[in-house]
Amino acid sequence: MSIRDTLKDIVDNVEGALAAMIMAYDGIPIDEITVPQSGFDLQSLSVEYATVLKEIKRAAELVKAGAMEEVSITTNQTRVALRVLNEDLFTVLIMTRDGNFGKGRYLLRLKGYDLARELA
């Protein structure tokens, strides 16, 4: 399955999903699938969260808390799950506040192995 197909599979199988993307820590999107009627500026949101994720990763390394695997951000409108793929890339799943967050996290973890292998 291609990277794009894997991202589409995640979005199609998570209720409330607005977008799934692969991003670099510098905020550059590698690939993405978005739902047209999302109503959010998903590019800006993901770039800003990439900055936050980079700082969390650095902080975890500084305090020797172990390698970062996943970060979740919940606002009154969205839920975002970010999962590390490798040293340079991570996946992002953006969904509505009432979306199926548990399934979204599960699919990011499950499909993350395929995406990491595809990107290697």
PDB file of N, CA and C in Angstrom:
ATOM      1  N   MET A   1       0.851  -1.171   0.000  1.00  0.00           N
ATOM      2  CA  MET A   1       0.000   0.000   0.000  1.00  0.00           C
ATOM      3  C   MET A   1       0.901   1.240   0.000  1.00  0.00           C
ATOM      4  N   SER A   2       0.588   2.235  -0.825  1.00  0.00           N
ATOM      5  CA  SER A   2       1.387   3.455  -0.895  1.00  0.00           C
ATOM      6  C   SER A   2       1.149   4.330   0.341  1.00  0.00           C
ATOM      7  N   ILE A   3       2.007   5.308   0.527  1.00  0.00           N
ATOM      8  CA  ILE A   3       1.869   6.237   1.650  1.00  0.00           C
ATOM      9  C   ILE A   3       0.522   6.940   1.583  1.00  0.00           C
ATOM     10  N   ARG A   4       0.184   7.444   0.417  1.00  0.00           N
ATOM     11  CA  ARG A   4      -1.087   8.154   0.240  1.00  0.00           C
ATOM     12  C   ARG A   4      -2.275   7.237   0.534  1.00  0.00           C
ATOM     13  N   ASP A   5      -2.215   6.001   0.076  1.00  0.00           N
ATOM     14  CA  ASP A   5      -3.292   5.045   0.334  1.00  0.00           C
ATOM     15  C   ASP A   5      -3.423   4.757   1.829  1.00  0.00           C
ATOM     16  N   THR A   6      -2.302   4.664   2.509  1.00  0.00           N
ATOM     17  CA  THR A   6      -2.325   4.413   3.953  1.00  0.00           C
ATOM     18  C   THR A   6      -2.958   5.582   4.693  1.00  0.00           C
ATOM     19  N   LEU A   7      -2.584   6.809   4.333  1.00  0.00           N
ATOM     20  CA  LEU A   7      -3.184   7.991   4.959  1.00  0.00           C
ATOM     21  C   LEU A   7      -4.682   8.056   4.679  1.00  0.00           C
ATOM     22  N   LYS A   8      -5.062   7.751   3.443  1.00  0.00           N
ATOM     23  CA  LYS A   8      -6.489   7.752   3.079  1.00  0.00           C
ATOM     24  C   LYS A   8      -7.245   6.697   3.870  1.00  0.00           C
ATOM     25  N   ASP A   9      -6.639   5.550   4.060  1.00  0.00           N
ATOM     26  CA  ASP A   9      -7.259   4.475   4.834  1.00  0.00           C
ATOM     27  C   ASP A   9      -7.514   4.922   6.276  1.00  0.00           C
ATOM     28  N   ILE A  10      -6.571   5.650   6.854  1.00  0.00           N
ATOM     29  CA  ILE A  10      -6.753   6.157   8.217  1.00  0.00           C
ATOM     30  C   ILE A  10      -7.927   7.122   8.262  1.00  0.00           C
ATOM     31  N   VAL A  11      -7.943   8.103   7.348  1.00  0.00           N
ATOM     32  CA  VAL A  11      -9.018   9.105   7.330  1.00  0.00           C
ATOM     33  C   VAL A  11     -10.376   8.443   7.083  1.00  0.00           C
ATOM     34  N   ASP A  12     -10.416   7.511   6.159  1.00  0.00           N
ATOM     35  CA  ASP A  12     -11.684   6.844   5.818  1.00  0.00           C
ATOM     36  C   ASP A  12     -12.224   5.982   6.949  1.00  0.00           C
ATOM     37  N   ASN A  13     -11.353   5.511   7.835  1.00  0.00           N
ATOM     38  CA  ASN A  13     -11.788   4.570   8.859  1.00  0.00           C
ATOM     39  C   ASN A  13     -11.886   5.154  10.271  1.00  0.00           C
ATOM     40  N   VAL A  14     -11.727   6.464  10.391  1.00  0.00           N
ATOM     41  CA  VAL A  14     -11.858   7.110  11.699  1.00  0.00           C
ATOM     42  C   VAL A  14     -12.995   8.119  11.617  1.00  0.00           C
ATOM     43  N   GLU A  15     -14.032   7.878  12.371  1.00  0.00           N
ATOM     44  CA  GLU A  15     -15.165   8.794  12.410  1.00  0.00           C
ATOM     45  C   GLU A  15     -14.698  10.157  12.916  1.00  0.00           C
ATOM     46  N   GLY A  16     -15.004  11.205  12.168  1.00  0.00           N
ATOM     47  CA  GLY A  16     -14.630  12.558  12.543  1.00  0.00           C
ATOM     48  C   GLY A  16     -13.260  12.995  12.058  1.00  0.00           C
ATOM     49  N   ALA A  17     -12.566  12.149  11.315  1.00  0.00           N
ATOM     50  CA  ALA A  17     -11.235  12.522  10.816  1.00  0.00           C
ATOM     51  C   ALA A  17     -11.343  13.667   9.813  1.00  0.00           C
ATOM     52  N   LEU A  18     -10.458  14.654   9.969  1.00  0.00           N
ATOM     53  CA  LEU A  18     -10.399  15.790   9.048  1.00  0.00           C
ATOM     54  C   LEU A  18      -9.172  15.715   8.139  1.00  0.00           C
ATOM     55  N   ALA A  19      -8.083  15.153   8.654  1.00  0.00           N
ATOM     56  CA  ALA A  19      -6.858  15.056   7.864  1.00  0.00           C
ATOM     57  C   ALA A  19      -5.898  14.070   8.513  1.00  0.00           C
ATOM     58  N   ALA A  20      -5.078  13.476   7.676  1.00  0.00           N
ATOM     59  CA  ALA A  20      -3.950  12.659   8.123  1.00  0.00           C
ATOM     60  C   ALA A  20      -2.772  13.094   7.266  1.00  0.00           C
ATOM     61  N   MET A  21      -1.637  13.302   7.903  1.00  0.00           N
ATOM     62  CA  MET A  21      -0.476  13.750   7.150  1.00  0.00           C
ATOM     63  C   MET A  21       0.813  13.228   7.744  1.00  0.00           C
ATOM     64  N   ILE A  22       1.832  13.262   6.911  1.00  0.00           N
ATOM     65  CA  ILE A  22       3.186  12.971   7.350  1.00  0.00           C
ATOM     66  C   ILE A  22       3.934  14.285   7.255  1.00  0.00           C
ATOM     67  N   MET A  23       4.631  14.626   8.343  1.00  0.00           N
ATOM     68  CA  MET A  23       5.340  15.893   8.384  1.00  0.00           C
ATOM     69  C   MET A  23       6.752  15.707   8.904  1.00  0.00           C
ATOM     70  N   ALA A  24       7.603  16.630   8.514  1.00  0.00           N
ATOM     71  CA  ALA A  24       8.948  16.706   9.072  1.00  0.00           C
ATOM     72  C   ALA A  24       8.894  17.636  10.277  1.00  0.00           C
ATOM     73  N   TYR A  25       9.871  17.524  11.148  1.00  0.00           N
ATOM     74  CA  TYR A  25       9.902  18.357  12.352  1.00  0.00           C
ATOM     75  C   TYR A  25      10.048  19.843  12.052  1.00  0.00           C
ATOM     76  N   ASP A  26      10.463  20.183  10.844  1.00  0.00           N
ATOM     77  CA  ASP A  26      10.554  21.598  10.479  1.00  0.00           C
ATOM     78  C   ASP A  26       9.219  22.147   9.977  1.00  0.00           C
ATOM     79  N   GLY A  27       8.182  21.307  10.001  1.00  0.00           N
ATOM     80  CA  GLY A  27       6.845  21.757   9.617  1.00  0.00           C
ATOM     81  C   GLY A  27       6.499  21.552   8.158  1.00  0.00           C
ATOM     82  N   ILE A  28       7.387  20.952   7.412  1.00  0.00           N
ATOM     83  CA  ILE A  28       7.117  20.723   5.987  1.00  0.00           C
ATOM     84  C   ILE A  28       6.309  19.443   5.824  1.00  0.00           C
ATOM     85  N   PRO A  29       5.115  19.550   5.203  1.00  0.00           N
ATOM     86  CA  PRO A  29       4.318  18.341   4.982  1.00  0.00           C
ATOM     87  C   PRO A  29       4.926  17.488   3.866  1.00  0.00           C
ATOM     88  N   ILE A  30       5.012  16.189   4.101  1.00  0.00           N
ATOM     89  CA  ILE A  30       5.533  15.255   3.109  1.00  0.00           C
ATOM     90  C   ILE A  30       4.390  14.753   2.224  1.00  0.00           C
ATOM     91  N   ASP A  31       3.284  14.412   2.856  1.00  0.00           N
ATOM     92  CA  ASP A  31       2.078  13.992   2.139  1.00  0.00           C
ATOM     93  C   ASP A  31       0.892  14.172   3.070  1.00  0.00           C
ATOM     94  N   GLU A  32      -0.290  14.335   2.504  1.00  0.00           N
ATOM     95  CA  GLU A  32      -1.474  14.533   3.328  1.00  0.00           C
ATOM     96  C   GLU A  32      -2.740  14.156   2.584  1.00  0.00           C
ATOM     97  N   ILE A  33      -3.719  13.799   3.371  1.00  0.00           N
ATOM     98  CA  ILE A  33      -5.079  13.563   2.877  1.00  0.00           C
ATOM     99  C   ILE A  33      -5.987  14.413   3.757  1.00  0.00           C
ATOM    100  N   THR A  34      -6.802  15.255   3.154  1.00  0.00           N
ATOM    101  CA  THR A  34      -7.719  16.085   3.931  1.00  0.00           C
ATOM    102  C   THR A  34      -9.147  15.903   3.446  1.00  0.00           C
ATOM    103  N   VAL A  35     -10.072  16.127   4.353  1.00  0.00           N
ATOM    104  CA  VAL A  35     -11.490  16.107   4.018  1.00  0.00           C
ATOM    105  C   VAL A  35     -11.840  17.518   3.553  1.00  0.00           C
ATOM    106  N   PRO A  36     -12.406  17.685   2.363  1.00  0.00           N
ATOM    107  CA  PRO A  36     -12.634  19.025   1.815  1.00  0.00           C
ATOM    108  C   PRO A  36     -13.454  19.960   2.721  1.00  0.00           C
ATOM    109  N   GLN A  37     -14.417  19.456   3.415  1.00  0.00           N
ATOM    110  CA  GLN A  37     -15.292  20.303   4.222  1.00  0.00           C
ATOM    111  C   GLN A  37     -14.796  20.473   5.656  1.00  0.00           C
ATOM    112  N   SER A  38     -13.502  20.389   5.878  1.00  0.00           N
ATOM    113  CA  SER A  38     -12.981  20.439   7.241  1.00  0.00           C
ATOM    114  C   SER A  38     -13.225  21.786   7.912  1.00  0.00           C
ATOM    115  N   GLY A  39     -13.143  22.897   7.174  1.00  0.00           N
ATOM    116  CA  GLY A  39     -13.394  24.207   7.745  1.00  0.00           C
ATOM    117  C   GLY A  39     -12.246  24.768   8.562  1.00  0.00           C
ATOM    118  N   PHE A  40     -11.121  24.071   8.644  1.00  0.00           N
ATOM    119  CA  PHE A  40      -9.961  24.533   9.405  1.00  0.00           C
ATOM    120  C   PHE A  40      -8.803  24.801   8.460  1.00  0.00           C
ATOM    121  N   ASP A  41      -7.904  25.677   8.867  1.00  0.00           N
ATOM    122  CA  ASP A  41      -6.662  25.871   8.150  1.00  0.00           C
ATOM    123  C   ASP A  41      -5.696  24.801   8.653  1.00  0.00           C
ATOM    124  N   LEU A  42      -5.812  23.617   8.088  1.00  0.00           N
ATOM    125  CA  LEU A  42      -5.057  22.468   8.571  1.00  0.00           C
ATOM    126  C   LEU A  42      -3.560  22.620   8.360  1.00  0.00           C
ATOM    127  N   GLN A  43      -3.170  23.315   7.312  1.00  0.00           N
ATOM    128  CA  GLN A  43      -1.739  23.531   7.080  1.00  0.00           C
ATOM    129  C   GLN A  43      -1.121  24.334   8.214  1.00  0.00           C
ATOM    130  N   SER A  44      -1.754  25.442   8.569  1.00  0.00           N
ATOM    131  CA  SER A  44      -1.227  26.275   9.660  1.00  0.00           C
ATOM    132  C   SER A  44      -1.243  25.518  10.971  1.00  0.00           C
ATOM    133  N   LEU A  45      -2.327  24.806  11.217  1.00  0.00           N
ATOM    134  CA  LEU A  45      -2.446  24.050  12.455  1.00  0.00           C
ATOM    135  C   LEU A  45      -1.328  23.025  12.571  1.00  0.00           C
ATOM    136  N   SER A  46      -1.081  22.292  11.506  1.00  0.00           N
ATOM    137  CA  SER A  46      -0.058  21.250  11.560  1.00  0.00           C
ATOM    138  C   SER A  46       1.349  21.834  11.655  1.00  0.00           C
ATOM    139  N   VAL A  47       1.611  22.957  10.996  1.00  0.00           N
ATOM    140  CA  VAL A  47       2.926  23.589  11.081  1.00  0.00           C
ATOM    141  C   VAL A  47       3.180  24.077  12.507  1.00  0.00           C
ATOM    142  N   GLU A  48       2.193  24.694  13.121  1.00  0.00           N
ATOM    143  CA  GLU A  48       2.349  25.177  14.491  1.00  0.00           C
ATOM    144  C   GLU A  48       2.545  24.019  15.465  1.00  0.00           C
ATOM    145  N   TYR A  49       1.794  22.939  15.284  1.00  0.00           N
ATOM    146  CA  TYR A  49       1.948  21.786  16.160  1.00  0.00           C
ATOM    147  C   TYR A  49       3.290  21.105  15.953  1.00  0.00           C
ATOM    148  N   ALA A  50       3.855  21.182  14.746  1.00  0.00           N
ATOM    149  CA  ALA A  50       5.188  20.611  14.505  1.00  0.00           C
ATOM    150  C   ALA A  50       6.223  21.317  15.367  1.00  0.00           C
ATOM    151  N   THR A  51       6.078  22.618  15.512  1.00  0.00           N
ATOM    152  CA  THR A  51       6.991  23.383  16.361  1.00  0.00           C
ATOM    153  C   THR A  51       6.883  22.926  17.808  1.00  0.00           C
ATOM    154  N   VAL A  52       5.662  22.752  18.272  1.00  0.00           N
ATOM    155  CA  VAL A  52       5.435  22.285  19.642  1.00  0.00           C
ATOM    156  C   VAL A  52       6.010  20.885  19.827  1.00  0.00           C
ATOM    157  N   LEU A  53       5.781  20.020  18.865  1.00  0.00           N
ATOM    158  CA  LEU A  53       6.265  18.645  18.959  1.00  0.00           C
ATOM    159  C   LEU A  53       7.789  18.592  19.028  1.00  0.00           C
ATOM    160  N   LYS A  54       8.439  19.435  18.262  1.00  0.00           N
ATOM    161  CA  LYS A  54       9.899  19.477  18.283  1.00  0.00           C
ATOM    162  C   LYS A  54      10.404  19.867  19.675  1.00  0.00           C
ATOM    163  N   GLU A  55       9.733  20.800  20.315  1.00  0.00           N
ATOM    164  CA  GLU A  55      10.125  21.217  21.662  1.00  0.00           C
ATOM    165  C   GLU A  55       9.864  20.113  22.699  1.00  0.00           C
ATOM    166  N   ILE A  56       8.751  19.416  22.560  1.00  0.00           N
ATOM    167  CA  ILE A  56       8.449  18.308  23.472  1.00  0.00           C
ATOM    168  C   ILE A  56       9.494  17.207  23.309  1.00  0.00           C
ATOM    169  N   LYS A  57       9.849  16.906  22.075  1.00  0.00           N
ATOM    170  CA  LYS A  57      10.865  15.889  21.805  1.00  0.00           C
ATOM    171  C   LYS A  57      12.195  16.277  22.456  1.00  0.00           C
ATOM    172  N   ARG A  58      12.581  17.532  22.303  1.00  0.00           N
ATOM    173  CA  ARG A  58      13.831  18.019  22.881  1.00  0.00           C
ATOM    174  C   ARG A  58      13.786  17.943  24.407  1.00  0.00           C
ATOM    175  N   ALA A  59      12.660  18.330  24.986  1.00  0.00           N
ATOM    176  CA  ALA A  59      12.522  18.301  26.452  1.00  0.00           C
ATOM    177  C   ALA A  59      12.604  16.869  26.976  1.00  0.00           C
ATOM    178  N   ALA A  60      11.967  15.937  26.307  1.00  0.00           N
ATOM    179  CA  ALA A  60      12.011  14.535  26.731  1.00  0.00           C
ATOM    180  C   ALA A  60      13.445  14.005  26.687  1.00  0.00           C
ATOM    181  N   GLU A  61      14.191  14.414  25.683  1.00  0.00           N
ATOM    182  CA  GLU A  61      15.587  13.988  25.576  1.00  0.00           C
ATOM    183  C   GLU A  61      16.445  14.615  26.675  1.00  0.00           C
ATOM    184  N   LEU A  62      16.197  15.895  26.972  1.00  0.00           N
ATOM    185  CA  LEU A  62      16.981  16.596  27.997  1.00  0.00           C
ATOM    186  C   LEU A  62      16.815  15.984  29.378  1.00  0.00           C
ATOM    187  N   VAL A  63      15.609  15.583  29.714  1.00  0.00           N
ATOM    188  CA  VAL A  63      15.371  15.013  31.044  1.00  0.00           C
ATOM    189  C   VAL A  63      15.518  13.489  31.046  1.00  0.00           C
ATOM    190  N   LYS A  64      15.956  12.954  29.919  1.00  0.00           N
ATOM    191  CA  LYS A  64      16.183  11.512  29.783  1.00  0.00           C
ATOM    192  C   LYS A  64      14.929  10.701  30.125  1.00  0.00           C
ATOM    193  N   ALA A  65      13.789  11.160  29.604  1.00  0.00           N
ATOM    194  CA  ALA A  65      12.511  10.495  29.837  1.00  0.00           C
ATOM    195  C   ALA A  65      12.250   9.379  28.826  1.00  0.00           C
ATOM    196  N   GLY A  66      13.164   9.200  27.892  1.00  0.00           N
ATOM    197  CA  GLY A  66      12.980   8.193  26.864  1.00  0.00           C
ATOM    198  C   GLY A  66      12.554   8.844  25.554  1.00  0.00           C
ATOM    199  N   ALA A  67      12.526   8.057  24.531  1.00  0.00           N
ATOM    200  CA  ALA A  67      12.171   8.558  23.208  1.00  0.00           C
ATOM    201  C   ALA A  67      10.675   8.848  23.135  1.00  0.00           C
ATOM    202  N   MET A  68      10.347   9.994  22.588  1.00  0.00           N
ATOM    203  CA  MET A  68       8.943  10.366  22.424  1.00  0.00           C
ATOM    204  C   MET A  68       8.297   9.443  21.389  1.00  0.00           C
ATOM    205  N   GLU A  69       7.089   9.003  21.666  1.00  0.00           N
ATOM    206  CA  GLU A  69       6.349   8.150  20.744  1.00  0.00           C
ATOM    207  C   GLU A  69       5.085   8.826  20.228  1.00  0.00           C
ATOM    208  N   GLU A  70       4.335   9.485  21.122  1.00  0.00           N
ATOM    209  CA  GLU A  70       3.043  10.036  20.728  1.00  0.00           C
ATOM    210  C   GLU A  70       2.694  11.232  21.599  1.00  0.00           C
ATOM    211  N   VAL A  71       2.019  12.205  20.991  1.00  0.00           N
ATOM    212  CA  VAL A  71       1.520  13.372  21.702  1.00  0.00           C
ATOM    213  C   VAL A  71       0.086  13.605  21.246  1.00  0.00           C
ATOM    214  N   SER A  72      -0.780  13.940  22.185  1.00  0.00           N
ATOM    215  CA  SER A  72      -2.170  14.254  21.870  1.00  0.00           C
ATOM    216  C   SER A  72      -2.472  15.678  22.311  1.00  0.00           C
ATOM    217  N   ILE A  73      -3.207  16.393  21.475  1.00  0.00           N
ATOM    218  CA  ILE A  73      -3.618  17.757  21.788  1.00  0.00           C
ATOM    219  C   ILE A  73      -5.125  17.834  21.579  1.00  0.00           C
ATOM    220  N   THR A  74      -5.824  18.289  22.614  1.00  0.00           N
ATOM    221  CA  THR A  74      -7.275  18.405  22.531  1.00  0.00           C
ATOM    222  C   THR A  74      -7.675  19.851  22.786  1.00  0.00           C
ATOM    223  N   THR A  75      -8.475  20.394  21.893  1.00  0.00           N
ATOM    224  CA  THR A  75      -9.035  21.727  22.079  1.00  0.00           C
ATOM    225  C   THR A  75     -10.557  21.588  22.118  1.00  0.00           C
ATOM    226  N   ASN A  76     -11.253  22.696  22.229  1.00  0.00           N
ATOM    227  CA  ASN A  76     -12.713  22.592  22.263  1.00  0.00           C
ATOM    228  C   ASN A  76     -13.308  22.305  20.888  1.00  0.00           C
ATOM    229  N   GLN A  77     -12.483  22.305  19.829  1.00  0.00           N
ATOM    230  CA  GLN A  77     -12.985  22.002  18.493  1.00  0.00           C
ATOM    231  C   GLN A  77     -12.333  20.787  17.835  1.00  0.00           C
ATOM    232  N   THR A  78     -11.093  20.499  18.203  1.00  0.00           N
ATOM    233  CA  THR A  78     -10.380  19.406  17.528  1.00  0.00           C
ATOM    234  C   THR A  78      -9.629  18.526  18.515  1.00  0.00           C
ATOM    235  N   ARG A  79      -9.287  17.367  18.028  1.00  0.00           N
ATOM    236  CA  ARG A  79      -8.360  16.464  18.702  1.00  0.00           C
ATOM    237  C   ARG A  79      -7.292  16.113  17.687  1.00  0.00           C
ATOM    238  N   VAL A  80      -6.054  16.155  18.142  1.00  0.00           N
ATOM    239  CA  VAL A  80      -4.929  15.885  17.258  1.00  0.00           C
ATOM    240  C   VAL A  80      -4.042  14.842  17.914  1.00  0.00           C
ATOM    241  N   ALA A  81      -3.711  13.814  17.157  1.00  0.00           N
ATOM    242  CA  ALA A  81      -2.763  12.798  17.612  1.00  0.00           C
ATOM    243  C   ALA A  81      -1.551  12.877  16.698  1.00  0.00           C
ATOM    244  N   LEU A  82      -0.379  12.975  17.301  1.00  0.00           N
ATOM    245  CA  LEU A  82       0.880  13.028  16.563  1.00  0.00           C
ATOM    246  C   LEU A  82       1.707  11.826  16.981  1.00  0.00           C
ATOM    247  N   ARG A  83       2.190  11.065  16.019  1.00  0.00           N
ATOM    248  CA  ARG A  83       2.944   9.846  16.326  1.00  0.00           C
ATOM    249  C   ARG A  83       4.255   9.841  15.552  1.00  0.00           C
ATOM    250  N   VAL A  84       5.346   9.593  16.236  1.00  0.00           N
ATOM    251  CA  VAL A  84       6.683   9.589  15.643  1.00  0.00           C
ATOM    252  C   VAL A  84       6.834   8.380  14.716  1.00  0.00           C
ATOM    253  N   LEU A  85       7.399   8.637  13.533  1.00  0.00           N
ATOM    254  CA  LEU A  85       7.718   7.554  12.595  1.00  0.00           C
ATOM    255  C   LEU A  85       9.200   7.209  12.639  1.00  0.00           C
ATOM    256  N   ASN A  86      10.025   8.253  12.653  1.00  0.00           N
ATOM    257  CA  ASN A  86      11.478   8.078  12.738  1.00  0.00           C
ATOM    258  C   ASN A  86      12.090   9.382  13.248  1.00  0.00           C
ATOM    259  N   GLU A  87      13.388   9.522  13.170  1.00  0.00           N
ATOM    260  CA  GLU A  87      14.066  10.715  13.700  1.00  0.00           C
ATOM    261  C   GLU A  87      13.643  12.003  13.012  1.00  0.00           C
ATOM    262  N   ASP A  88      13.150  11.902  11.782  1.00  0.00           N
ATOM    263  CA  ASP A  88      12.846  13.093  10.983  1.00  0.00           C
ATOM    264  C   ASP A  88      11.368  13.346  10.752  1.00  0.00           C
ATOM    265  N   LEU A  89      10.550  12.304  10.854  1.00  0.00           N
ATOM    266  CA  LEU A  89       9.157  12.416  10.430  1.00  0.00           C
ATOM    267  C   LEU A  89       8.171  11.922  11.481  1.00  0.00           C
ATOM    268  N   PHE A  90       6.952  12.455  11.409  1.00  0.00           N
ATOM    269  CA  PHE A  90       5.875  12.001  12.272  1.00  0.00           C
ATOM    270  C   PHE A  90       4.561  12.075  11.512  1.00  0.00           C
ATOM    271  N   THR A  91       3.574  11.353  12.007  1.00  0.00           N
ATOM    272  CA  THR A  91       2.238  11.408  11.417  1.00  0.00           C
ATOM    273  C   THR A  91       1.340  12.266  12.303  1.00  0.00           C
ATOM    274  N   VAL A  92       0.361  12.871  11.657  1.00  0.00           N
ATOM    275  CA  VAL A  92      -0.608  13.706  12.353  1.00  0.00           C
ATOM    276  C   VAL A  92      -1.996  13.262  11.920  1.00  0.00           C
ATOM    277  N   LEU A  93      -2.867  13.082  12.889  1.00  0.00           N
ATOM    278  CA  LEU A  93      -4.272  12.828  12.597  1.00  0.00           C
ATOM    279  C   LEU A  93      -5.063  13.920  13.281  1.00  0.00           C
ATOM    280  N   ILE A  94      -5.796  14.687  12.491  1.00  0.00           N
ATOM    281  CA  ILE A  94      -6.632  15.769  13.012  1.00  0.00           C
ATOM    282  C   ILE A  94      -8.072  15.337  12.857  1.00  0.00           C
ATOM    283  N   MET A  95      -8.825  15.458  13.940  1.00  0.00           N
ATOM    284  CA  MET A  95     -10.229  15.050  13.890  1.00  0.00           C
ATOM    285  C   MET A  95     -11.098  16.015  14.681  1.00  0.00           C
ATOM    286  N   THR A  96     -12.384  15.895  14.481  1.00  0.00           N
ATOM    287  CA  THR A  96     -13.318  16.715  15.231  1.00  0.00           C
ATOM    288  C   THR A  96     -13.281  16.311  16.694  1.00  0.00           C
ATOM    289  N   ARG A  97     -13.756  17.178  17.528  1.00  0.00           N
ATOM    290  CA  ARG A  97     -13.758  16.937  18.979  1.00  0.00           C
ATOM    291  C   ARG A  97     -14.527  15.665  19.328  1.00  0.00           C
ATOM    292  N   ASP A  98     -15.589  15.377  18.591  1.00  0.00           N
ATOM    293  CA  ASP A  98     -16.397  14.192  18.895  1.00  0.00           C
ATOM    294  C   ASP A  98     -16.032  12.980  18.032  1.00  0.00           C
ATOM    295  N   GLY A  99     -14.906  13.047  17.328  1.00  0.00           N
ATOM    296  CA  GLY A  99     -14.456  11.914  16.520  1.00  0.00           C
ATOM    297  C   GLY A  99     -13.993  10.759  17.393  1.00  0.00           C
ATOM    298  N   ASN A 100     -13.751   9.632  16.755  1.00  0.00           N
ATOM    299  CA  ASN A 100     -13.346   8.420  17.471  1.00  0.00           C
ATOM    300  C   ASN A 100     -11.830   8.465  17.723  1.00  0.00           C
ATOM    301  N   PHE A 101     -11.463   9.157  18.788  1.00  0.00           N
ATOM    302  CA  PHE A 101     -10.059   9.396  19.098  1.00  0.00           C
ATOM    303  C   PHE A 101      -9.297   8.102  19.392  1.00  0.00           C
ATOM    304  N   GLY A 102      -9.911   7.195  20.102  1.00  0.00           N
ATOM    305  CA  GLY A 102      -9.251   5.926  20.417  1.00  0.00           C
ATOM    306  C   GLY A 102      -8.894   5.143  19.168  1.00  0.00           C
ATOM    307  N   LYS A 103      -9.829   5.063  18.242  1.00  0.00           N
ATOM    308  CA  LYS A 103      -9.557   4.341  16.995  1.00  0.00           C
ATOM    309  C   LYS A 103      -8.495   5.075  16.171  1.00  0.00           C
ATOM    310  N   GLY A 104      -8.550   6.397  16.201  1.00  0.00           N
ATOM    311  CA  GLY A 104      -7.559   7.178  15.478  1.00  0.00           C
ATOM    312  C   GLY A 104      -6.153   6.912  15.989  1.00  0.00           C
ATOM    313  N   ARG A 105      -5.976   6.920  17.296  1.00  0.00           N
ATOM    314  CA  ARG A 105      -4.666   6.631  17.899  1.00  0.00           C
ATOM    315  C   ARG A 105      -4.217   5.211  17.556  1.00  0.00           C
ATOM    316  N   TYR A 106      -5.162   4.278  17.622  1.00  0.00           N
ATOM    317  CA  TYR A 106      -4.852   2.881  17.310  1.00  0.00           C
ATOM    318  C   TYR A 106      -4.360   2.748  15.859  1.00  0.00           C
ATOM    319  N   LEU A 107      -5.090   3.363  14.925  1.00  0.00           N
ATOM    320  CA  LEU A 107      -4.696   3.250  13.521  1.00  0.00           C
ATOM    321  C   LEU A 107      -3.378   3.959  13.233  1.00  0.00           C
ATOM    322  N   LEU A 108      -3.119   5.081  13.903  1.00  0.00           N
ATOM    323  CA  LEU A 108      -1.816   5.731  13.724  1.00  0.00           C
ATOM    324  C   LEU A 108      -0.687   4.816  14.162  1.00  0.00           C
ATOM    325  N   ARG A 109      -0.875   4.157  15.288  1.00  0.00           N
ATOM    326  CA  ARG A 109       0.161   3.238  15.771  1.00  0.00           C
ATOM    327  C   ARG A 109       0.303   2.050  14.820  1.00  0.00           C
ATOM    328  N   LEU A 110      -0.815   1.440  14.452  1.00  0.00           N
ATOM    329  CA  LEU A 110      -0.802   0.270  13.587  1.00  0.00           C
ATOM    330  C   LEU A 110      -0.225   0.594  12.204  1.00  0.00           C
ATOM    331  N   LYS A 111      -0.734   1.635  11.580  1.00  0.00           N
ATOM    332  CA  LYS A 111      -0.297   2.005  10.226  1.00  0.00           C
ATOM    333  C   LYS A 111       1.064   2.700  10.239  1.00  0.00           C
ATOM    334  N   GLY A 112       1.471   3.194  11.409  1.00  0.00           N
ATOM    335  CA  GLY A 112       2.771   3.850  11.523  1.00  0.00           C
ATOM    336  C   GLY A 112       3.920   2.928  11.144  1.00  0.00           C
ATOM    337  N   TYR A 113       3.788   1.655  11.474  1.00  0.00           N
ATOM    338  CA  TYR A 113       4.822   0.689  11.102  1.00  0.00           C
ATOM    339  C   TYR A 113       4.947   0.589   9.586  1.00  0.00           C
ATOM    340  N   ASP A 114       3.804   0.537   8.893  1.00  0.00           N
ATOM    341  CA  ASP A 114       3.813   0.477   7.421  1.00  0.00           C
ATOM    342  C   ASP A 114       4.407   1.753   6.826  1.00  0.00           C
ATOM    343  N   LEU A 115       3.999   2.907   7.380  1.00  0.00           N
ATOM    344  CA  LEU A 115       4.498   4.178   6.864  1.00  0.00           C
ATOM    345  C   LEU A 115       6.004   4.299   7.084  1.00  0.00           C
ATOM    346  N   ALA A 116       6.488   3.927   8.255  1.00  0.00           N
ATOM    347  CA  ALA A 116       7.927   4.012   8.541  1.00  0.00           C
ATOM    348  C   ALA A 116       8.717   3.117   7.590  1.00  0.00           C
ATOM    349  N   ARG A 117       8.194   1.930   7.359  1.00  0.00           N
ATOM    350  CA  ARG A 117       8.866   0.999   6.433  1.00  0.00           C
ATOM    351  C   ARG A 117       8.875   1.561   5.018  1.00  0.00           C
ATOM    352  N   GLU A 118       7.762   2.152   4.589  1.00  0.00           N
ATOM    353  CA  GLU A 118       7.645   2.724   3.253  1.00  0.00           C
ATOM    354  C   GLU A 118       8.593   3.921   3.065  1.00  0.00           C
ATOM    355  N   LEU A 119       8.806   4.668   4.140  1.00  0.00           N
ATOM    356  CA  LEU A 119       9.648   5.873   4.074  1.00  0.00           C
ATOM    357  C   LEU A 119      11.136   5.571   4.230  1.00  0.00           C
ATOM    358  N   ALA A 120      11.473   4.364   4.668  1.00  0.00           N
ATOM    359  CA  ALA A 120      12.890   4.013   4.905  1.00  0.00           C
ATOM    360  C   ALA A 120      13.654   3.835   3.602  1.00  0.00           C
TER     361      ALA A 120
END
